[in-house]
Amino acid sequence: MIINKRSKIAIGVIIFLELLFLVRAYFIYSFLTNDSLTGDGVHDPEKYDREFFSTIVYSILIMIFLVVIGILIFKKRTCEIED
């Protein structure tokens, strides 16, 4: 079996934390795009859009990397235990 119980738990934790990060990032993005709340007087939605999307892309890539690493580590440990 490629994914054992430990791998499922690790993947679940990583995905849960990623979802929390994405929700947090969206709230920050919403806060920054609403100029009346920021009070900085600079309304540049393109800047915030670029930063938001680059943050989301980097975050998803890091999550995928961590999931793959988690699967490989737990698979390796499972194979060592079975041998």
N, C-alpha and C. Protein backbone atom coordinates (compact mmCIF):
# COMPACT_ATOMS: atom_id res chain seq x y z
N MET A 1 0.84 -1.17 0.00
CA MET A 1 0.00 0.00 0.00
C MET A 1 0.89 1.25 0.00
N ILE A 2 0.63 2.15 -0.91
CA ILE A 2 1.46 3.35 -1.05
C ILE A 2 1.22 4.31 0.09
N ILE A 3 -0.03 4.53 0.47
CA ILE A 3 -0.34 5.50 1.52
C ILE A 3 -0.82 4.74 2.74
N ASN A 4 -0.04 4.81 3.81
CA ASN A 4 -0.43 4.17 5.05
C ASN A 4 -1.13 5.18 5.96
N LYS A 5 -1.43 4.76 7.19
CA LYS A 5 -2.17 5.61 8.12
C LYS A 5 -1.37 6.87 8.47
N ARG A 6 -0.06 6.74 8.69
CA ARG A 6 0.77 7.90 9.01
C ARG A 6 0.79 8.91 7.87
N SER A 7 0.89 8.40 6.65
CA SER A 7 0.89 9.29 5.48
C SER A 7 -0.43 10.04 5.37
N LYS A 8 -1.52 9.34 5.60
CA LYS A 8 -2.83 9.99 5.53
C LYS A 8 -2.96 11.08 6.58
N ILE A 9 -2.46 10.81 7.78
CA ILE A 9 -2.52 11.82 8.84
C ILE A 9 -1.66 13.03 8.47
N ALA A 10 -0.44 12.77 7.98
CA ALA A 10 0.46 13.87 7.59
C ALA A 10 -0.14 14.69 6.46
N ILE A 11 -0.69 14.03 5.47
CA ILE A 11 -1.31 14.74 4.34
C ILE A 11 -2.52 15.54 4.83
N GLY A 12 -3.30 14.96 5.71
CA GLY A 12 -4.46 15.67 6.27
C GLY A 12 -4.06 16.93 7.01
N VAL A 13 -3.00 16.83 7.83
CA VAL A 13 -2.53 17.99 8.57
C VAL A 13 -2.00 19.06 7.62
N ILE A 14 -1.23 18.66 6.62
CA ILE A 14 -0.68 19.62 5.66
C ILE A 14 -1.80 20.33 4.90
N ILE A 15 -2.78 19.58 4.45
CA ILE A 15 -3.89 20.18 3.69
C ILE A 15 -4.73 21.09 4.59
N PHE A 16 -4.96 20.67 5.84
CA PHE A 16 -5.71 21.51 6.78
C PHE A 16 -4.99 22.84 7.01
N LEU A 17 -3.70 22.77 7.26
CA LEU A 17 -2.92 24.00 7.48
C LEU A 17 -2.90 24.87 6.22
N GLU A 18 -2.84 24.23 5.06
CA GLU A 18 -2.86 24.98 3.80
C GLU A 18 -4.20 25.70 3.63
N LEU A 19 -5.28 25.02 3.94
CA LEU A 19 -6.59 25.66 3.82
C LEU A 19 -6.71 26.84 4.79
N LEU A 20 -6.19 26.68 6.00
CA LEU A 20 -6.19 27.81 6.94
C LEU A 20 -5.38 28.98 6.39
N PHE A 21 -4.23 28.68 5.79
CA PHE A 21 -3.41 29.73 5.21
C PHE A 21 -4.14 30.43 4.06
N LEU A 22 -4.81 29.65 3.21
CA LEU A 22 -5.51 30.26 2.07
C LEU A 22 -6.65 31.15 2.54
N VAL A 23 -7.38 30.72 3.56
CA VAL A 23 -8.46 31.56 4.10
C VAL A 23 -7.88 32.84 4.68
N ARG A 24 -6.79 32.71 5.43
CA ARG A 24 -6.13 33.88 6.01
C ARG A 24 -5.64 34.83 4.91
N ALA A 25 -5.04 34.27 3.87
CA ALA A 25 -4.55 35.08 2.77
C ALA A 25 -5.70 35.81 2.08
N TYR A 26 -6.84 35.15 1.92
CA TYR A 26 -7.98 35.79 1.28
C TYR A 26 -8.51 36.95 2.14
N PHE A 27 -8.56 36.75 3.45
CA PHE A 27 -9.03 37.83 4.32
C PHE A 27 -8.08 39.02 4.27
N ILE A 28 -6.80 38.78 4.26
CA ILE A 28 -5.83 39.87 4.15
C ILE A 28 -5.98 40.57 2.81
N TYR A 29 -6.14 39.79 1.73
CA TYR A 29 -6.34 40.36 0.40
C TYR A 29 -7.59 41.22 0.37
N SER A 30 -8.68 40.73 0.95
CA SER A 30 -9.92 41.51 0.98
C SER A 30 -9.74 42.80 1.76
N PHE A 31 -9.01 42.71 2.86
CA PHE A 31 -8.74 43.89 3.68
C PHE A 31 -7.93 44.92 2.91
N LEU A 32 -6.91 44.46 2.18
CA LEU A 32 -6.04 45.39 1.44
C LEU A 32 -6.73 46.01 0.24
N THR A 33 -7.63 45.27 -0.41
CA THR A 33 -8.30 45.82 -1.59
C THR A 33 -9.40 46.80 -1.22
N ASN A 34 -9.83 46.80 0.02
CA ASN A 34 -10.83 47.76 0.46
C ASN A 34 -10.10 48.98 1.00
N ASP A 35 -9.96 49.99 0.20
CA ASP A 35 -9.13 51.17 0.52
C ASP A 35 -9.61 51.90 1.76
N SER A 36 -10.89 51.88 2.02
CA SER A 36 -11.39 52.62 3.18
C SER A 36 -10.93 51.98 4.49
N LEU A 37 -10.60 50.69 4.47
CA LEU A 37 -10.14 50.03 5.69
C LEU A 37 -8.64 50.18 5.91
N THR A 38 -7.87 50.23 4.82
CA THR A 38 -6.42 50.28 4.99
C THR A 38 -5.96 51.65 5.45
N GLY A 39 -6.59 52.69 4.96
CA GLY A 39 -6.24 54.03 5.40
C GLY A 39 -4.93 54.54 4.84
N ASP A 40 -4.33 53.81 3.90
CA ASP A 40 -3.05 54.26 3.35
C ASP A 40 -3.23 55.26 2.22
N GLY A 41 -4.45 55.38 1.70
CA GLY A 41 -4.73 56.33 0.64
C GLY A 41 -4.26 55.89 -0.73
N VAL A 42 -3.57 54.77 -0.82
CA VAL A 42 -3.08 54.26 -2.10
C VAL A 42 -3.96 53.08 -2.49
N HIS A 43 -4.66 53.25 -3.58
CA HIS A 43 -5.53 52.17 -4.05
C HIS A 43 -4.92 51.60 -5.32
N ASP A 44 -4.24 50.49 -5.17
CA ASP A 44 -3.58 49.84 -6.31
C ASP A 44 -3.98 48.36 -6.33
N PRO A 45 -5.18 48.06 -6.85
CA PRO A 45 -5.65 46.67 -6.83
C PRO A 45 -4.77 45.72 -7.64
N GLU A 46 -4.12 46.22 -8.70
CA GLU A 46 -3.25 45.35 -9.50
C GLU A 46 -2.08 44.84 -8.67
N LYS A 47 -1.52 45.70 -7.83
CA LYS A 47 -0.41 45.31 -6.96
C LYS A 47 -0.86 44.21 -6.01
N TYR A 48 -2.01 44.41 -5.40
CA TYR A 48 -2.52 43.43 -4.45
C TYR A 48 -2.90 42.13 -5.17
N ASP A 49 -3.44 42.24 -6.39
CA ASP A 49 -3.80 41.05 -7.15
C ASP A 49 -2.56 40.21 -7.46
N ARG A 50 -1.49 40.86 -7.92
CA ARG A 50 -0.25 40.13 -8.23
C ARG A 50 0.33 39.46 -7.00
N GLU A 51 0.38 40.20 -5.91
CA GLU A 51 0.92 39.64 -4.67
C GLU A 51 0.07 38.48 -4.16
N PHE A 52 -1.24 38.64 -4.23
CA PHE A 52 -2.14 37.60 -3.76
C PHE A 52 -1.98 36.32 -4.58
N PHE A 53 -2.01 36.46 -5.90
CA PHE A 53 -1.91 35.27 -6.74
C PHE A 53 -0.53 34.61 -6.65
N SER A 54 0.52 35.40 -6.53
CA SER A 54 1.85 34.79 -6.39
C SER A 54 1.96 34.07 -5.04
N THR A 55 1.38 34.64 -4.00
CA THR A 55 1.38 33.98 -2.69
C THR A 55 0.62 32.67 -2.74
N ILE A 56 -0.52 32.66 -3.41
CA ILE A 56 -1.34 31.45 -3.52
C ILE A 56 -0.59 30.38 -4.32
N VAL A 57 0.02 30.77 -5.43
CA VAL A 57 0.74 29.80 -6.25
C VAL A 57 1.92 29.21 -5.48
N TYR A 58 2.70 30.04 -4.82
CA TYR A 58 3.82 29.54 -4.02
C TYR A 58 3.34 28.62 -2.91
N SER A 59 2.26 28.99 -2.27
CA SER A 59 1.72 28.20 -1.18
C SER A 59 1.27 26.82 -1.67
N ILE A 60 0.58 26.78 -2.79
CA ILE A 60 0.12 25.50 -3.33
C ILE A 60 1.30 24.64 -3.77
N LEU A 61 2.30 25.24 -4.37
CA LEU A 61 3.49 24.48 -4.77
C LEU A 61 4.23 23.90 -3.55
N ILE A 62 4.34 24.69 -2.50
CA ILE A 62 4.98 24.21 -1.28
C ILE A 62 4.16 23.08 -0.67
N MET A 63 2.83 23.21 -0.68
CA MET A 63 1.98 22.15 -0.14
C MET A 63 2.16 20.85 -0.91
N ILE A 64 2.18 20.94 -2.23
CA ILE A 64 2.37 19.74 -3.06
C ILE A 64 3.73 19.11 -2.76
N PHE A 65 4.75 19.93 -2.64
CA PHE A 65 6.09 19.44 -2.32
C PHE A 65 6.09 18.72 -0.96
N LEU A 66 5.46 19.32 0.05
CA LEU A 66 5.41 18.69 1.37
C LEU A 66 4.63 17.39 1.37
N VAL A 67 3.54 17.33 0.62
CA VAL A 67 2.76 16.10 0.53
C VAL A 67 3.59 14.99 -0.11
N VAL A 68 4.28 15.30 -1.20
CA VAL A 68 5.12 14.30 -1.87
C VAL A 68 6.24 13.83 -0.95
N ILE A 69 6.89 14.77 -0.28
CA ILE A 69 7.96 14.41 0.66
C ILE A 69 7.40 13.54 1.78
N GLY A 70 6.25 13.90 2.31
CA GLY A 70 5.62 13.11 3.38
C GLY A 70 5.31 11.70 2.93
N ILE A 71 4.78 11.56 1.72
CA ILE A 71 4.48 10.22 1.20
C ILE A 71 5.77 9.42 1.03
N LEU A 72 6.80 10.05 0.48
CA LEU A 72 8.06 9.33 0.27
C LEU A 72 8.71 8.92 1.58
N ILE A 73 8.69 9.79 2.56
CA ILE A 73 9.31 9.46 3.85
C ILE A 73 8.56 8.32 4.53
N PHE A 74 7.24 8.41 4.58
CA PHE A 74 6.49 7.36 5.26
C PHE A 74 6.49 6.06 4.46
N LYS A 75 6.56 6.17 3.15
CA LYS A 75 6.65 4.94 2.33
C LYS A 75 7.98 4.26 2.59
N LYS A 76 9.05 5.05 2.67
CA LYS A 76 10.38 4.49 2.92
C LYS A 76 10.42 3.82 4.29
N ARG A 77 9.87 4.46 5.30
CA ARG A 77 9.84 3.88 6.64
C ARG A 77 9.00 2.61 6.67
N THR A 78 7.89 2.59 5.94
CA THR A 78 7.05 1.40 5.90
C THR A 78 7.77 0.26 5.23
N CYS A 79 8.49 0.56 4.16
CA CYS A 79 9.25 -0.49 3.46
C CYS A 79 10.36 -1.03 4.35
N GLU A 80 11.02 -0.18 5.14
CA GLU A 80 12.08 -0.64 6.04
C GLU A 80 11.52 -1.50 7.14
N ILE A 81 10.35 -1.17 7.64
CA ILE A 81 9.73 -1.95 8.72
C ILE A 81 9.29 -3.31 8.20
N GLU A 82 8.76 -3.37 6.98
CA GLU A 82 8.29 -4.62 6.42
C GLU A 82 9.42 -5.58 6.08
N ASP A 83 10.58 -5.05 5.74
CA ASP A 83 11.72 -5.91 5.35
C ASP A 83 12.33 -6.63 6.49
